[in-house]
Amino acid sequence: EHDNVDHPVSLYAATKKSNELMAHTYSHLFGIPATGLRL
């Protein structure tokens, strides 16, 4: 989880990386506890 993940090779992967970034934004701004699971 501590590795860099800035080089997706599919749009599906890019949307999942985007979900992690979006969740962090809301967690920061609104204090929502958010846990992402990389299946």
Full PDB file with SEQRES, HELIX, SHEET, SSBOND, CRYST1, ORIGX, SCALE, CONECT and MASTER records, all heavy atoms in Angstrom:
SEQRES   1 A   39  GLU HIS ASP ASN VAL ASP HIS PRO VAL SER LEU TYR ALA          
SEQRES   2 A   39  ALA THR LYS LYS SER ASN GLU LEU MET ALA HIS THR TYR          
SEQRES   3 A   39  SER HIS LEU PHE GLY ILE PRO ALA THR GLY LEU ARG LEU          
HELIX    1 AA1 LEU A   11  PHE A   30  1                                  20    
CRYST1    1.000    1.000    1.000  90.00  90.00  90.00 P 1           1          
ORIGX1      1.000000  0.000000  0.000000        0.00000                         
ORIGX2      0.000000  1.000000  0.000000        0.00000                         
ORIGX3      0.000000  0.000000  1.000000        0.00000                         
SCALE1      1.000000  0.000000  0.000000        0.00000                         
SCALE2      0.000000  1.000000  0.000000        0.00000                         
SCALE3      0.000000  0.000000  1.000000        0.00000                         
ATOM      1  N   GLU A   1       0.816  -1.218   0.000  1.00  0.00           N  
ATOM      2  CA  GLU A   1       0.000   0.000   0.000  1.00  0.00           C  
ATOM      3  C   GLU A   1       0.849   1.268   0.000  1.00  0.00           C  
ATOM      4  O   GLU A   1       0.364   2.337  -0.379  1.00  0.00           O  
ATOM      5  CB  GLU A   1      -0.921   0.022   1.224  1.00  0.00           C  
ATOM      6  CG  GLU A   1      -1.879  -1.142   1.311  1.00  0.00           C  
ATOM      7  CD  GLU A   1      -1.340  -2.276   2.161  1.00  0.00           C  
ATOM      8  OE1 GLU A   1      -0.091  -2.431   2.234  1.00  0.00           O  
ATOM      9  OE2 GLU A   1      -2.149  -3.011   2.749  1.00  0.00           O  
ATOM     10  N   HIS A   2       2.090   1.153   0.441  1.00  0.00           N  
ATOM     11  CA  HIS A   2       2.961   2.325   0.530  1.00  0.00           C  
ATOM     12  C   HIS A   2       3.655   2.631  -0.795  1.00  0.00           C  
ATOM     13  O   HIS A   2       4.361   3.635  -0.912  1.00  0.00           O  
ATOM     14  CB  HIS A   2       3.993   2.098   1.635  1.00  0.00           C  
ATOM     15  CG  HIS A   2       3.380   1.574   2.898  1.00  0.00           C  
ATOM     16  ND1 HIS A   2       2.580   2.352   3.706  1.00  0.00           N  
ATOM     17  CD2 HIS A   2       3.403   0.337   3.469  1.00  0.00           C  
ATOM     18  CE1 HIS A   2       2.154   1.621   4.734  1.00  0.00           C  
ATOM     19  NE2 HIS A   2       2.637   0.402   4.609  1.00  0.00           N  
ATOM     20  N   ASP A   3       3.455   1.769  -1.812  1.00  0.00           N  
ATOM     21  CA  ASP A   3       4.062   1.982  -3.130  1.00  0.00           C  
ATOM     22  C   ASP A   3       3.339   3.091  -3.884  1.00  0.00           C  
ATOM     23  O   ASP A   3       2.149   3.355  -3.672  1.00  0.00           O  
ATOM     24  CB  ASP A   3       3.976   0.703  -3.972  1.00  0.00           C  
ATOM     25  CG  ASP A   3       4.840  -0.417  -3.432  1.00  0.00           C  
ATOM     26  OD1 ASP A   3       5.754  -0.124  -2.628  1.00  0.00           O  
ATOM     27  OD2 ASP A   3       4.605  -1.580  -3.807  1.00  0.00           O  
ATOM     28  N   ASN A   4       4.048   3.706  -4.805  1.00  0.00           N  
ATOM     29  CA  ASN A   4       3.447   4.676  -5.709  1.00  0.00           C  
ATOM     30  C   ASN A   4       2.522   3.953  -6.699  1.00  0.00           C  
ATOM     31  O   ASN A   4       2.866   2.892  -7.218  1.00  0.00           O  
ATOM     32  CB  ASN A   4       4.557   5.414  -6.463  1.00  0.00           C  
ATOM     33  CG  ASN A   4       4.019   6.451  -7.428  1.00  0.00           C  
ATOM     34  OD1 ASN A   4       3.505   6.113  -8.486  1.00  0.00           O  
ATOM     35  ND2 ASN A   4       4.146   7.706  -7.066  1.00  0.00           N  
ATOM     36  N   VAL A   5       1.342   4.535  -6.946  1.00  0.00           N  
ATOM     37  CA  VAL A   5       0.402   3.932  -7.901  1.00  0.00           C  
ATOM     38  C   VAL A   5      -0.056   4.977  -8.920  1.00  0.00           C  
ATOM     39  O   VAL A   5      -1.247   5.118  -9.200  1.00  0.00           O  
ATOM     40  CB  VAL A   5      -0.817   3.290  -7.186  1.00  0.00           C  
ATOM     41  CG1 VAL A   5      -0.407   2.026  -6.454  1.00  0.00           C  
ATOM     42  CG2 VAL A   5      -1.471   4.264  -6.214  1.00  0.00           C  
ATOM     43  N   ASP A   6       0.897   5.681  -9.485  1.00  0.00           N  
ATOM     44  CA  ASP A   6       0.593   6.755 -10.423  1.00  0.00           C  
ATOM     45  C   ASP A   6       0.658   6.329 -11.886  1.00  0.00           C  
ATOM     46  O   ASP A   6       0.638   7.183 -12.773  1.00  0.00           O  
ATOM     47  CB  ASP A   6       1.566   7.928 -10.219  1.00  0.00           C  
ATOM     48  CG  ASP A   6       1.262   8.709  -8.946  1.00  0.00           C  
ATOM     49  OD1 ASP A   6       0.124   8.598  -8.450  1.00  0.00           O  
ATOM     50  OD2 ASP A   6       2.155   9.416  -8.457  1.00  0.00           O  
ATOM     51  N   HIS A   7       0.747   5.015 -12.150  1.00  0.00           N  
ATOM     52  CA  HIS A   7       0.875   4.570 -13.541  1.00  0.00           C  
ATOM     53  C   HIS A   7      -0.112   3.445 -13.865  1.00  0.00           C  
ATOM     54  O   HIS A   7       0.288   2.317 -14.162  1.00  0.00           O  
ATOM     55  CB  HIS A   7       2.324   4.125 -13.816  1.00  0.00           C  
ATOM     56  CG  HIS A   7       3.309   5.235 -13.653  1.00  0.00           C  
ATOM     57  ND1 HIS A   7       3.879   5.551 -12.435  1.00  0.00           N  
ATOM     58  CD2 HIS A   7       3.793   6.139 -14.539  1.00  0.00           C  
ATOM     59  CE1 HIS A   7       4.684   6.589 -12.578  1.00  0.00           C  
ATOM     60  NE2 HIS A   7       4.651   6.964 -13.837  1.00  0.00           N  
ATOM     61  N   PRO A   8      -1.425   3.742 -13.820  1.00  0.00           N  
ATOM     62  CA  PRO A   8      -2.424   2.720 -14.187  1.00  0.00           C  
ATOM     63  C   PRO A   8      -2.302   2.359 -15.667  1.00  0.00           C  
ATOM     64  O   PRO A   8      -1.851   3.171 -16.486  1.00  0.00           O  
ATOM     65  CB  PRO A   8      -3.756   3.424 -13.891  1.00  0.00           C  
ATOM     66  CG  PRO A   8      -3.455   4.884 -13.984  1.00  0.00           C  
ATOM     67  CD  PRO A   8      -2.046   5.039 -13.486  1.00  0.00           C  
ATOM     68  N   VAL A   9      -2.715   1.132 -16.005  1.00  0.00           N  
ATOM     69  CA  VAL A   9      -2.629   0.690 -17.399  1.00  0.00           C  
ATOM     70  C   VAL A   9      -4.005   0.358 -17.981  1.00  0.00           C  
ATOM     71  O   VAL A   9      -4.107  -0.254 -19.043  1.00  0.00           O  
ATOM     72  CB  VAL A   9      -1.674  -0.518 -17.548  1.00  0.00           C  
ATOM     73  CG1 VAL A   9      -0.251  -0.115 -17.198  1.00  0.00           C  
ATOM     74  CG2 VAL A   9      -2.123  -1.699 -16.697  1.00  0.00           C  
ATOM     75  N   SER A  10      -5.069   0.764 -17.296  1.00  0.00           N  
ATOM     76  CA  SER A  10      -6.429   0.637 -17.826  1.00  0.00           C  
ATOM     77  C   SER A  10      -7.278   1.744 -17.228  1.00  0.00           C  
ATOM     78  O   SER A  10      -6.966   2.273 -16.152  1.00  0.00           O  
ATOM     79  CB  SER A  10      -7.045  -0.730 -17.483  1.00  0.00           C  
ATOM     80  OG  SER A  10      -7.323  -0.828 -16.091  1.00  0.00           O  
ATOM     81  N   LEU A  11      -8.350   2.092 -17.925  1.00  0.00           N  
ATOM     82  CA  LEU A  11      -9.260   3.112 -17.393  1.00  0.00           C  
ATOM     83  C   LEU A  11      -9.922   2.614 -16.110  1.00  0.00           C  
ATOM     84  O   LEU A  11     -10.151   3.399 -15.183  1.00  0.00           O  
ATOM     85  CB  LEU A  11     -10.318   3.484 -18.427  1.00  0.00           C  
ATOM     86  CG  LEU A  11     -11.293   4.565 -17.956  1.00  0.00           C  
ATOM     87  CD1 LEU A  11     -10.570   5.888 -17.718  1.00  0.00           C  
ATOM     88  CD2 LEU A  11     -12.432   4.754 -18.945  1.00  0.00           C  
ATOM     89  N   TYR A  12     -10.232   1.323 -16.050  1.00  0.00           N  
ATOM     90  CA  TYR A  12     -10.797   0.765 -14.824  1.00  0.00           C  
ATOM     91  C   TYR A  12      -9.881   1.068 -13.644  1.00  0.00           C  
ATOM     92  O   TYR A  12     -10.324   1.536 -12.597  1.00  0.00           O  
ATOM     93  CB  TYR A  12     -10.988  -0.740 -14.980  1.00  0.00           C  
ATOM     94  CG  TYR A  12     -11.334  -1.445 -13.686  1.00  0.00           C  
ATOM     95  CD1 TYR A  12     -12.582  -1.275 -13.093  1.00  0.00           C  
ATOM     96  CD2 TYR A  12     -10.409  -2.281 -13.050  1.00  0.00           C  
ATOM     97  CE1 TYR A  12     -12.903  -1.910 -11.899  1.00  0.00           C  
ATOM     98  CE2 TYR A  12     -10.726  -2.915 -11.866  1.00  0.00           C  
ATOM     99  CZ  TYR A  12     -11.964  -2.730 -11.291  1.00  0.00           C  
ATOM    100  OH  TYR A  12     -12.277  -3.349 -10.112  1.00  0.00           O  
ATOM    101  N   ALA A  13      -8.593   0.799 -13.810  1.00  0.00           N  
ATOM    102  CA  ALA A  13      -7.629   1.062 -12.737  1.00  0.00           C  
ATOM    103  C   ALA A  13      -7.589   2.549 -12.392  1.00  0.00           C  
ATOM    104  O   ALA A  13      -7.514   2.926 -11.215  1.00  0.00           O  
ATOM    105  CB  ALA A  13      -6.241   0.580 -13.152  1.00  0.00           C  
ATOM    106  N   ALA A  14      -7.654   3.389 -13.413  1.00  0.00           N  
ATOM    107  CA  ALA A  14      -7.615   4.838 -13.175  1.00  0.00           C  
ATOM    108  C   ALA A  14      -8.825   5.300 -12.375  1.00  0.00           C  
ATOM    109  O   ALA A  14      -8.709   6.182 -11.512  1.00  0.00           O  
ATOM    110  CB  ALA A  14      -7.544   5.581 -14.508  1.00  0.00           C  
ATOM    111  N   THR A  15      -9.994   4.698 -12.631  1.00  0.00           N  
ATOM    112  CA  THR A  15     -11.178   5.094 -11.853  1.00  0.00           C  
ATOM    113  C   THR A  15     -11.052   4.646 -10.400  1.00  0.00           C  
ATOM    114  O   THR A  15     -11.504   5.339  -9.486  1.00  0.00           O  
ATOM    115  CB  THR A  15     -12.480   4.532 -12.450  1.00  0.00           C  
ATOM    116  OG1 THR A  15     -12.472   3.097 -12.415  1.00  0.00           O  
ATOM    117  CG2 THR A  15     -12.681   5.009 -13.879  1.00  0.00           C  
ATOM    118  N   LYS A  16     -10.436   3.498 -10.165  1.00  0.00           N  
ATOM    119  CA  LYS A  16     -10.260   3.019  -8.793  1.00  0.00           C  
ATOM    120  C   LYS A  16      -9.236   3.868  -8.040  1.00  0.00           C  
ATOM    121  O   LYS A  16      -9.416   4.168  -6.849  1.00  0.00           O  
ATOM    122  CB  LYS A  16      -9.858   1.544  -8.797  1.00  0.00           C  
ATOM    123  CG  LYS A  16     -10.985   0.608  -9.196  1.00  0.00           C  
ATOM    124  CD  LYS A  16     -12.171   0.738  -8.241  1.00  0.00           C  
ATOM    125  CE  LYS A  16     -13.264  -0.254  -8.501  1.00  0.00           C  
ATOM    126  NZ  LYS A  16     -14.377  -0.150  -7.537  1.00  0.00           N  
ATOM    127  N   LYS A  17      -8.171   4.277  -8.713  1.00  0.00           N  
ATOM    128  CA  LYS A  17      -7.219   5.205  -8.096  1.00  0.00           C  
ATOM    129  C   LYS A  17      -7.931   6.532  -7.801  1.00  0.00           C  
ATOM    130  O   LYS A  17      -7.732   7.141  -6.735  1.00  0.00           O  
ATOM    131  CB  LYS A  17      -6.036   5.435  -9.043  1.00  0.00           C  
ATOM    132  CG  LYS A  17      -5.133   6.632  -8.706  1.00  0.00           C  
ATOM    133  CD  LYS A  17      -4.203   6.357  -7.550  1.00  0.00           C  
ATOM    134  CE  LYS A  17      -3.405   7.608  -7.159  1.00  0.00           C  
ATOM    135  NZ  LYS A  17      -2.329   7.961  -8.062  1.00  0.00           N  
ATOM    136  N   SER A  18      -8.775   6.963  -8.715  1.00  0.00           N  
ATOM    137  CA  SER A  18      -9.535   8.193  -8.503  1.00  0.00           C  
ATOM    138  C   SER A  18     -10.434   8.075  -7.274  1.00  0.00           C  
ATOM    139  O   SER A  18     -10.577   9.032  -6.498  1.00  0.00           O  
ATOM    140  CB  SER A  18     -10.390   8.520  -9.736  1.00  0.00           C  
ATOM    141  OG  SER A  18      -9.574   8.726 -10.875  1.00  0.00           O  
ATOM    142  N   ASN A  19     -11.059   6.915  -7.080  1.00  0.00           N  
ATOM    143  CA  ASN A  19     -11.906   6.707  -5.900  1.00  0.00           C  
ATOM    144  C   ASN A  19     -11.115   6.912  -4.618  1.00  0.00           C  
ATOM    145  O   ASN A  19     -11.602   7.523  -3.658  1.00  0.00           O  
ATOM    146  CB  ASN A  19     -12.501   5.299  -5.907  1.00  0.00           C  
ATOM    147  CG  ASN A  19     -13.585   5.098  -6.928  1.00  0.00           C  
ATOM    148  OD1 ASN A  19     -14.020   3.973  -7.163  1.00  0.00           O  
ATOM    149  ND2 ASN A  19     -14.035   6.156  -7.583  1.00  0.00           N  
ATOM    150  N   GLU A  20      -9.884   6.425  -4.576  1.00  0.00           N  
ATOM    151  CA  GLU A  20      -9.052   6.587  -3.389  1.00  0.00           C  
ATOM    152  C   GLU A  20      -8.757   8.070  -3.137  1.00  0.00           C  
ATOM    153  O   GLU A  20      -8.812   8.538  -1.986  1.00  0.00           O  
ATOM    154  CB  GLU A  20      -7.743   5.817  -3.557  1.00  0.00           C  
ATOM    155  CG  GLU A  20      -7.944   4.308  -3.632  1.00  0.00           C  
ATOM    156  CD  GLU A  20      -6.654   3.530  -3.838  1.00  0.00           C  
ATOM    157  OE1 GLU A  20      -5.577   4.166  -3.893  1.00  0.00           O  
ATOM    158  OE2 GLU A  20      -6.704   2.291  -3.947  1.00  0.00           O  
ATOM    159  N   LEU A  21      -8.476   8.808  -4.202  1.00  0.00           N  
ATOM    160  CA  LEU A  21      -8.198  10.243  -4.058  1.00  0.00           C  
ATOM    161  C   LEU A  21      -9.444  11.009  -3.627  1.00  0.00           C  
ATOM    162  O   LEU A  21      -9.386  11.900  -2.768  1.00  0.00           O  
ATOM    163  CB  LEU A  21      -7.665  10.797  -5.379  1.00  0.00           C  
ATOM    164  CG  LEU A  21      -6.341  10.224  -5.879  1.00  0.00           C  
ATOM    165  CD1 LEU A  21      -6.015  10.770  -7.267  1.00  0.00           C  
ATOM    166  CD2 LEU A  21      -5.210  10.538  -4.910  1.00  0.00           C  
ATOM    167  N   MET A  22     -10.574  10.656  -4.214  1.00  0.00           N  
ATOM    168  CA  MET A  22     -11.827  11.317  -3.862  1.00  0.00           C  
ATOM    169  C   MET A  22     -12.190  11.042  -2.404  1.00  0.00           C  
ATOM    170  O   MET A  22     -12.621  11.941  -1.670  1.00  0.00           O  
ATOM    171  CB  MET A  22     -12.935  10.835  -4.800  1.00  0.00           C  
ATOM    172  CG  MET A  22     -12.733  11.240  -6.259  1.00  0.00           C  
ATOM    173  SD  MET A  22     -13.601  10.162  -7.438  1.00  0.00           S  
ATOM    174  CE  MET A  22     -15.285  10.697  -7.197  1.00  0.00           C  
ATOM    175  N   ALA A  23     -12.008   9.799  -1.968  1.00  0.00           N  
ATOM    176  CA  ALA A  23     -12.309   9.442  -0.581  1.00  0.00           C  
ATOM    177  C   ALA A  23     -11.421  10.219   0.377  1.00  0.00           C  
ATOM    178  O   ALA A  23     -11.876  10.692   1.429  1.00  0.00           O  
ATOM    179  CB  ALA A  23     -12.132   7.939  -0.379  1.00  0.00           C  
ATOM    180  N   HIS A  24     -10.146  10.382   0.018  1.00  0.00           N  
ATOM    181  CA  HIS A  24      -9.249  11.132   0.895  1.00  0.00           C  
ATOM    182  C   HIS A  24      -9.703  12.588   1.017  1.00  0.00           C  
ATOM    183  O   HIS A  24      -9.679  13.178   2.104  1.00  0.00           O  
ATOM    184  CB  HIS A  24      -7.813  11.089   0.402  1.00  0.00           C  
ATOM    185  CG  HIS A  24      -6.876  11.817   1.313  1.00  0.00           C  
ATOM    186  ND1 HIS A  24      -6.563  13.159   1.151  1.00  0.00           N  
ATOM    187  CD2 HIS A  24      -6.234  11.417   2.436  1.00  0.00           C  
ATOM    188  CE1 HIS A  24      -5.749  13.533   2.130  1.00  0.00           C  
ATOM    189  NE2 HIS A  24      -5.532  12.500   2.918  1.00  0.00           N  
ATOM    190  N   THR A  25     -10.115  13.157  -0.091  1.00  0.00           N  
ATOM    191  CA  THR A  25     -10.575  14.551  -0.077  1.00  0.00           C  
ATOM    192  C   THR A  25     -11.743  14.732   0.893  1.00  0.00           C  
ATOM    193  O   THR A  25     -11.761  15.662   1.703  1.00  0.00           O  
ATOM    194  CB  THR A  25     -10.996  14.986  -1.489  1.00  0.00           C  
ATOM    195  OG1 THR A  25      -9.891  14.827  -2.382  1.00  0.00           O  
ATOM    196  CG2 THR A  25     -11.436  16.438  -1.496  1.00  0.00           C  
ATOM    197  N   TYR A  26     -12.737  13.833   0.820  1.00  0.00           N  
ATOM    198  CA  TYR A  26     -13.900  13.943   1.705  1.00  0.00           C  
ATOM    199  C   TYR A  26     -13.535  13.608   3.145  1.00  0.00           C  
ATOM    200  O   TYR A  26     -14.089  14.185   4.085  1.00  0.00           O  
ATOM    201  CB  TYR A  26     -15.027  13.032   1.203  1.00  0.00           C  
ATOM    202  CG  TYR A  26     -15.928  13.725   0.209  1.00  0.00           C  
ATOM    203  CD1 TYR A  26     -15.460  14.074  -1.059  1.00  0.00           C  
ATOM    204  CD2 TYR A  26     -17.244  14.061   0.531  1.00  0.00           C  
ATOM    205  CE1 TYR A  26     -16.265  14.711  -1.978  1.00  0.00           C  
ATOM    206  CE2 TYR A  26     -18.068  14.690  -0.377  1.00  0.00           C  
ATOM    207  CZ  TYR A  26     -17.577  15.025  -1.633  1.00  0.00           C  
ATOM    208  OH  TYR A  26     -18.384  15.673  -2.537  1.00  0.00           O  
ATOM    209  N   SER A  27     -12.596  12.698   3.317  1.00  0.00           N  
ATOM    210  CA  SER A  27     -12.139  12.376   4.666  1.00  0.00           C  
ATOM    211  C   SER A  27     -11.468  13.596   5.294  1.00  0.00           C  
ATOM    212  O   SER A  27     -11.691  13.922   6.466  1.00  0.00           O  
ATOM    213  CB  SER A  27     -11.169  11.199   4.615  1.00  0.00           C  
ATOM    214  OG  SER A  27     -10.777  10.805   5.907  1.00  0.00           O  
ATOM    215  N   HIS A  28     -10.659  14.292   4.505  1.00  0.00           N  
ATOM    216  CA  HIS A  28      -9.985  15.499   4.981  1.00  0.00           C  
ATOM    217  C   HIS A  28     -10.959  16.646   5.234  1.00  0.00           C  
ATOM    218  O   HIS A  28     -10.928  17.288   6.289  1.00  0.00           O  
ATOM    219  CB  HIS A  28      -8.930  15.924   3.951  1.00  0.00           C  
ATOM    220  CG  HIS A  28      -8.490  17.341   4.076  1.00  0.00           C  
ATOM    221  ND1 HIS A  28      -7.819  17.821   5.184  1.00  0.00           N  
ATOM    222  CD2 HIS A  28      -8.645  18.400   3.233  1.00  0.00           C  
ATOM    223  CE1 HIS A  28      -7.558  19.115   5.022  1.00  0.00           C  
ATOM    224  NE2 HIS A  28      -8.063  19.490   3.848  1.00  0.00           N  
ATOM    225  N   LEU A  29     -11.831  16.914   4.280  1.00  0.00           N  
ATOM    226  CA  LEU A  29     -12.710  18.076   4.375  1.00  0.00           C  
ATOM    227  C   LEU A  29     -13.832  17.901   5.392  1.00  0.00           C  
ATOM    228  O   LEU A  29     -14.193  18.852   6.100  1.00  0.00           O  
ATOM    229  CB  LEU A  29     -13.324  18.377   3.006  1.00  0.00           C  
ATOM    230  CG  LEU A  29     -12.372  18.900   1.927  1.00  0.00           C  
ATOM    231  CD1 LEU A  29     -13.090  18.989   0.589  1.00  0.00           C  
ATOM    232  CD2 LEU A  29     -11.817  20.266   2.323  1.00  0.00           C  
ATOM    233  N   PHE A  30     -14.377  16.678   5.476  1.00  0.00           N  
ATOM    234  CA  PHE A  30     -15.594  16.483   6.263  1.00  0.00           C  
ATOM    235  C   PHE A  30     -15.439  15.456   7.375  1.00  0.00           C  
ATOM    236  O   PHE A  30     -16.421  15.124   8.048  1.00  0.00           O  
ATOM    237  CB  PHE A  30     -16.751  16.087   5.330  1.00  0.00           C  
ATOM    238  CG  PHE A  30     -16.912  17.027   4.167  1.00  0.00           C  
ATOM    239  CD1 PHE A  30     -16.660  16.596   2.867  1.00  0.00           C  
ATOM    240  CD2 PHE A  30     -17.273  18.354   4.368  1.00  0.00           C  
ATOM    241  CE1 PHE A  30     -16.784  17.465   1.790  1.00  0.00           C  
ATOM    242  CE2 PHE A  30     -17.407  19.230   3.301  1.00  0.00           C  
ATOM    243  CZ  PHE A  30     -17.161  18.789   2.009  1.00  0.00           C  
ATOM    244  N   GLY A  31     -14.229  14.946   7.566  1.00  0.00           N  
ATOM    245  CA  GLY A  31     -13.980  14.024   8.671  1.00  0.00           C  
ATOM    246  C   GLY A  31     -14.632  12.666   8.527  1.00  0.00           C  
ATOM    247  O   GLY A  31     -14.889  11.987   9.530  1.00  0.00           O  
ATOM    248  N   ILE A  32     -14.915  12.241   7.291  1.00  0.00           N  
ATOM    249  CA  ILE A  32     -15.558  10.939   7.071  1.00  0.00           C  
ATOM    250  C   ILE A  32     -14.508   9.837   7.175  1.00  0.00           C  
ATOM    251  O   ILE A  32     -13.571   9.793   6.376  1.00  0.00           O  
ATOM    252  CB  ILE A  32     -16.215  10.873   5.673  1.00  0.00           C  
ATOM    253  CG1 ILE A  32     -17.263  11.976   5.523  1.00  0.00           C  
ATOM    254  CG2 ILE A  32     -16.819   9.492   5.429  1.00  0.00           C  
ATOM    255  CD1 ILE A  32     -17.755  12.153   4.099  1.00  0.00           C  
ATOM    256  N   PRO A  33     -14.631   8.919   8.142  1.00  0.00           N  
ATOM    257  CA  PRO A  33     -13.722   7.773   8.171  1.00  0.00           C  
ATOM    258  C   PRO A  33     -13.935   6.916   6.922  1.00  0.00           C  
ATOM    259  O   PRO A  33     -15.050   6.450   6.666  1.00  0.00           O  
ATOM    260  CB  PRO A  33     -14.131   7.016   9.438  1.00  0.00           C  
ATOM    261  CG  PRO A  33     -14.818   8.048  10.294  1.00  0.00           C  
ATOM    262  CD  PRO A  33     -15.535   8.936   9.312  1.00  0.00           C  
ATOM    263  N   ALA A  34     -12.879   6.739   6.138  1.00  0.00           N  
ATOM    264  CA  ALA A  34     -13.000   6.037   4.860  1.00  0.00           C  
ATOM    265  C   ALA A  34     -11.866   5.034   4.711  1.00  0.00           C  
ATOM    266  O   ALA A  34     -10.692   5.388   4.860  1.00  0.00           O  
ATOM    267  CB  ALA A  34     -12.986   7.026   3.699  1.00  0.00           C  
ATOM    268  N   THR A  35     -12.220   3.804   4.394  1.00  0.00           N  
ATOM    269  CA  THR A  35     -11.234   2.747   4.197  1.00  0.00           C  
ATOM    270  C   THR A  35     -11.411   2.132   2.821  1.00  0.00           C  
ATOM    271  O   THR A  35     -12.497   1.639   2.489  1.00  0.00           O  
ATOM    272  CB  THR A  35     -11.382   1.647   5.266  1.00  0.00           C  
ATOM    273  OG1 THR A  35     -11.236   2.220   6.570  1.00  0.00           O  
ATOM    274  CG2 THR A  35     -10.330   0.562   5.072  1.00  0.00           C  
ATOM    275  N   GLY A  36     -10.344   2.159   2.033  1.00  0.00           N  
ATOM    276  CA  GLY A  36     -10.361   1.554   0.705  1.00  0.00           C  
ATOM    277  C   GLY A  36      -9.670   0.205   0.726  1.00  0.00           C  
ATOM    278  O   GLY A  36      -8.607   0.047   1.333  1.00  0.00           O  
ATOM    279  N   LEU A  37     -10.274  -0.777   0.069  1.00  0.00           N  
ATOM    280  CA  LEU A  37      -9.730  -2.137   0.025  1.00  0.00           C  
ATOM    281  C   LEU A  37      -9.334  -2.485  -1.406  1.00  0.00           C  
ATOM    282  O   LEU A  37     -10.193  -2.552  -2.293  1.00  0.00           O  
ATOM    283  CB  LEU A  37     -10.766  -3.135   0.541  1.00  0.00           C  
ATOM    284  CG  LEU A  37     -11.210  -2.938   1.987  1.00  0.00           C  
ATOM    285  CD1 LEU A  37     -12.340  -3.909   2.330  1.00  0.00           C  
ATOM    286  CD2 LEU A  37     -10.042  -3.120   2.941  1.00  0.00           C  
ATOM    287  N   ARG A  38      -8.042  -2.702  -1.612  1.00  0.00           N  
ATOM    288  CA  ARG A  38      -7.540  -3.098  -2.923  1.00  0.00           C  
ATOM    289  C   ARG A  38      -7.681  -4.614  -3.068  1.00  0.00           C  
ATOM    290  O   ARG A  38      -6.865  -5.377  -2.574  1.00  0.00           O  
ATOM    291  CB  ARG A  38      -6.091  -2.655  -3.096  1.00  0.00           C  
ATOM    292  CG  ARG A  38      -5.945  -1.144  -3.177  1.00  0.00           C  
ATOM    293  CD  ARG A  38      -4.491  -0.708  -3.232  1.00  0.00           C  
ATOM    294  NE  ARG A  38      -4.392   0.749  -3.359  1.00  0.00           N  
ATOM    295  CZ  ARG A  38      -3.255   1.437  -3.212  1.00  0.00           C  
ATOM    296  NH1 ARG A  38      -2.122   0.791  -2.923  1.00  0.00           N  
ATOM    297  NH2 ARG A  38      -3.256   2.749  -3.338  1.00  0.00           N  
ATOM    298  N   LEU A  39      -8.732  -5.017  -3.749  1.00  0.00           N  
ATOM    299  CA  LEU A  39      -9.071  -6.437  -3.885  1.00  0.00           C  
ATOM    300  C   LEU A  39      -8.214  -7.108  -4.947  1.00  0.00           C  
ATOM    301  O   LEU A  39      -7.973  -6.547  -6.021  1.00  0.00           O  
ATOM    302  CB  LEU A  39     -10.547  -6.574  -4.249  1.00  0.00           C  
ATOM    303  CG  LEU A  39     -11.528  -6.097  -3.166  1.00  0.00           C  
ATOM    304  CD1 LEU A  39     -12.865  -5.713  -3.775  1.00  0.00           C  
ATOM    305  CD2 LEU A  39     -11.721  -7.173  -2.119  1.00  0.00           C  
TER     306      LEU A  39                                                      
MASTER        0    0    0    1    0    0    0    6  305    1    0    3          
END                                                                             
